[in-house]
Protein backbone atom coordinates (compact mmCIF):
# COMPACT_ATOMS: atom_id res chain seq x y z
CA MET A 1 126.01 -25.56 64.17
CA LEU A 2 124.89 -25.88 60.54
CA PRO A 3 126.17 -28.83 58.53
CA ASN A 4 128.72 -27.98 55.86
CA PRO A 5 128.01 -28.67 52.16
CA LEU A 6 130.03 -31.88 52.17
CA GLN A 7 128.01 -33.23 55.12
CA ILE A 8 124.78 -32.41 53.31
CA LEU A 9 125.95 -34.30 50.21
CA ALA A 10 127.10 -37.23 52.33
CA MET A 11 123.74 -37.29 54.10
CA THR A 12 121.89 -37.53 50.77
CA GLN A 13 124.20 -40.36 49.69
CA ILE A 14 123.57 -42.24 52.95
CA ALA A 15 119.83 -41.81 52.43
CA LEU A 16 120.27 -43.35 48.97
CA GLY A 17 122.17 -46.28 50.52
CA ARG A 18 125.57 -45.26 49.15
CA TRP A 19 127.75 -45.49 52.24
CA ALA A 20 131.09 -45.79 50.42
CA ARG A 21 130.43 -42.62 48.45
CA ALA A 22 129.24 -40.86 51.62
CA LEU A 23 132.43 -41.79 53.49
CA PHE A 24 134.53 -40.62 50.54
CA ILE A 25 132.68 -37.28 50.54
CA LEU A 26 133.07 -36.90 54.32
CA PHE A 27 136.80 -37.61 54.47
CA VAL A 28 138.75 -37.21 51.22
CA PRO A 29 137.83 -33.64 50.13
CA PRO A 30 138.15 -32.18 53.66
CA ILE A 31 141.54 -33.85 54.14
CA LEU A 32 142.73 -32.38 50.84
CA VAL A 33 141.39 -28.94 51.82
CA ASP A 34 143.04 -29.15 55.25
CA ALA A 35 146.32 -30.27 53.68
CA ALA A 36 146.25 -27.25 51.35
CA PHE A 37 145.52 -24.93 54.29
CA LEU A 38 148.26 -26.56 56.36
CA PHE A 39 150.76 -25.99 53.57
CA MET A 40 149.59 -22.40 53.07
CA THR A 41 149.71 -21.68 56.80
CA LEU A 42 153.16 -23.22 57.26
CA PHE A 43 154.79 -21.21 54.49
CA PHE A 44 152.67 -18.08 53.94
CA PHE A 45 151.02 -17.32 57.31
CA ARG A 46 152.68 -13.93 57.73
CA LEU A 47 151.67 -12.82 54.23
CA ILE A 48 147.94 -13.49 54.56
CA PRO A 49 145.92 -10.46 55.67
CA TYR A 50 143.28 -11.20 58.32
CA ARG A 51 140.75 -9.12 56.38
CA ILE A 52 140.68 -11.84 53.70
CA VAL A 53 138.03 -13.72 55.70
CA HIS A 54 135.57 -10.92 54.95
CA TYR A 55 136.06 -11.26 51.19
CA VAL A 56 136.15 -15.06 51.31
CA ALA A 57 132.67 -14.96 52.88
CA TYR A 58 131.33 -13.21 49.77
CA VAL A 59 132.94 -15.79 47.48
CA GLY A 60 131.82 -18.73 49.62
CA GLY A 61 128.26 -17.44 49.86
CA SER A 62 128.12 -16.86 46.12
CA VAL A 63 129.45 -20.37 45.38
CA LEU A 64 126.84 -21.96 47.65
CA ILE A 65 124.01 -19.86 46.20
CA LEU A 66 125.02 -20.68 42.61
CA PHE A 67 125.44 -24.39 43.38
CA ALA A 68 122.12 -24.64 45.22
CA THR A 69 120.30 -22.65 42.53
CA HIS A 70 121.76 -24.84 39.78
CA THR A 71 120.81 -28.02 41.62
CA LEU A 72 117.31 -26.77 42.36
CA TRP A 73 116.94 -25.96 38.65
CA GLU A 74 118.08 -29.50 37.81
CA LEU A 75 115.53 -30.92 40.26
CA ARG A 76 112.77 -29.15 38.33
CA GLN A 77 113.87 -31.06 35.21
CA ARG A 78 113.80 -34.50 36.81
CA SER A 79 112.80 -36.16 40.04
CA GLY A 80 114.98 -35.73 43.13
CA ASP A 81 115.77 -39.44 43.19
CA GLN A 82 117.11 -39.33 39.62
CA ALA A 83 119.25 -36.27 40.42
CA GLY A 84 120.66 -37.95 43.54
CA LYS A 85 121.63 -41.09 41.63
CA SER A 86 123.26 -39.23 38.76
CA PRO A 87 127.05 -39.71 38.70
CA THR A 88 127.48 -36.24 37.19
CA TYR A 89 125.52 -34.75 40.07
CA SER A 90 127.78 -36.50 42.56
CA LEU A 91 131.11 -35.52 40.97
CA THR A 92 130.05 -31.95 40.32
CA ALA A 93 128.49 -31.65 43.74
CA VAL A 94 131.59 -32.94 45.52
CA ALA A 95 133.89 -30.58 43.59
CA VAL A 96 131.69 -27.56 44.27
CA ALA A 97 131.17 -28.54 47.92
CA ALA A 98 134.94 -28.91 48.37
CA PHE A 99 135.42 -25.48 46.80
CA ALA A 100 132.72 -24.18 49.13
CA GLU A 101 134.72 -25.63 52.04
CA VAL A 102 137.79 -23.70 50.83
CA THR A 103 135.74 -20.50 50.61
CA ALA A 104 133.92 -20.97 53.92
CA PRO A 105 134.76 -18.17 56.34
CA GLY A 106 135.04 -20.59 59.26
CA THR A 107 137.84 -22.52 57.55
CA TRP A 108 139.88 -19.35 57.08
CA ILE A 109 139.16 -18.13 60.60
CA TYR A 110 140.37 -21.42 62.07
CA TRP A 111 143.58 -21.51 60.06
CA LEU A 112 144.39 -17.81 60.56
CA THR A 113 143.49 -17.40 64.23
CA VAL A 114 143.98 -20.84 65.78
CA ALA A 115 146.16 -23.09 63.65
CA GLY A 116 148.45 -20.34 62.32
CA PRO A 117 149.72 -19.15 65.71
CA ILE A 118 150.08 -22.75 66.89
CA LEU A 119 152.20 -23.58 63.84
CA ALA A 120 154.23 -20.40 64.44
CA GLU A 121 154.85 -21.63 67.99
CA ALA A 122 155.85 -25.01 66.58
CA ARG A 123 158.62 -23.38 64.56
CA VAL A 124 160.16 -22.26 67.83
CA HIS A 125 159.48 -25.28 70.07
CA GLY A 126 159.37 -28.06 67.50
CA TYR A 127 156.60 -29.51 65.38
CA TRP A 128 156.18 -32.64 67.52
CA HIS A 129 154.99 -30.29 70.25
CA VAL A 130 151.78 -29.52 68.29
CA VAL A 131 151.06 -32.95 66.81
CA PRO A 132 148.65 -33.88 69.64
CA PHE A 133 146.64 -30.68 69.04
CA PHE A 134 146.22 -31.35 65.31
CA ALA A 135 145.64 -35.10 65.76
CA GLY A 136 142.98 -34.45 68.39
CA GLY A 137 141.42 -31.72 66.28
CA MET A 138 141.27 -33.92 63.20
CA GLY A 139 139.88 -36.85 65.17
CA GLY A 140 137.26 -34.64 66.78
CA PHE A 141 136.30 -32.86 63.57
CA TYR A 142 136.07 -35.92 61.35
CA GLY A 143 134.49 -38.02 64.09
CA ALA A 144 131.86 -35.36 64.73
CA ALA A 145 131.24 -35.01 60.99
CA LEU A 146 130.68 -38.75 60.66
CA VAL A 147 128.44 -39.04 63.72
CA SER A 148 126.35 -35.94 62.93
CA THR A 149 125.91 -36.95 59.28
CA CYS A 150 124.81 -40.45 60.27
CA LEU A 151 122.37 -39.01 62.81
CA MET A 152 120.91 -36.64 60.21
CA ALA A 153 120.57 -39.46 57.68
CA TRP A 154 119.02 -41.72 60.31
CA GLY A 155 116.57 -38.96 61.24
CA ALA A 156 115.74 -38.45 57.57
CA GLY A 157 115.13 -42.18 57.20
CA LEU A 158 112.54 -42.16 59.98
CA HIS A 159 110.13 -40.08 57.96
CA LYS A 160 109.57 -41.28 54.38
CA ALA A 161 108.25 -37.93 53.12
CA PHE A 162 111.39 -36.22 54.42
CA LYS A 163 113.64 -38.81 52.80
CA LYS A 164 111.80 -38.40 49.51
CA HIS A 165 112.48 -34.66 49.51
CA LEU A 166 115.94 -34.83 51.08
CA ILE A 167 117.83 -33.48 48.05
CA LEU A 168 115.44 -30.55 47.78
CA ILE A 169 115.74 -29.81 51.51
CA ALA A 170 119.54 -30.13 51.40
CA ASN A 171 119.83 -27.65 48.53
CA VAL A 172 117.47 -25.17 50.13
CA LEU A 173 119.66 -25.41 53.25
CA LEU A 174 122.78 -24.78 51.12
CA LEU A 175 121.06 -21.74 49.61
CA LEU A 176 120.29 -20.41 53.10
CA ILE A 177 123.87 -21.03 54.28
CA GLY A 178 125.17 -19.10 51.26
CA ILE A 179 122.85 -16.19 52.00
CA THR A 180 124.01 -16.27 55.63
CA TYR A 181 127.69 -16.06 54.58
CA ILE A 182 127.00 -12.99 52.44
CA ALA A 183 124.75 -11.35 55.03
CA ARG A 184 127.33 -11.77 57.79
CA ALA A 185 130.10 -10.42 55.58
CA TYR A 186 127.98 -7.43 54.61
CA LEU A 187 126.89 -6.67 58.17
CA SER A 188 130.42 -6.98 59.56
CA ARG A 189 132.10 -4.57 57.14
């Protein structure tokens, strides 16, 4: 139910009026991440231990906490608007958010428990048999990401004080998501 780091970055870019950058953030890094997971699942599915999700949660939580802490520190040095318009902030943020997507437990759970067995079935019955599942999943995922990000940005635009502090709010949310990843991994050991 929580937005992922890439959606949060896209939302801040939409709030700043940078739609092209927001669309890039919403689509290009996730497609690259999904392509890497597709490749890994196709060729190495049987070698990946299911327990890896537990350890990935620690890494993903740590990445989000470090990224959010660094960005919050940067915000102390300059205004939130300056940080949001900085090209370095955008490139660094997108790279870290994409890495956070790779280390998100949900990504691993999906590819190991849903997509992996479906691709294993496709080896037996043919890959065209599963194309509708993956096409529908991608359309649903990316469509939902676009719609929910636009709704969040629209909601942020309704209240000027919220829009003014959007980067601060987004990074506090990333910090909380990171803490949640680590807490869930710790509690589920």
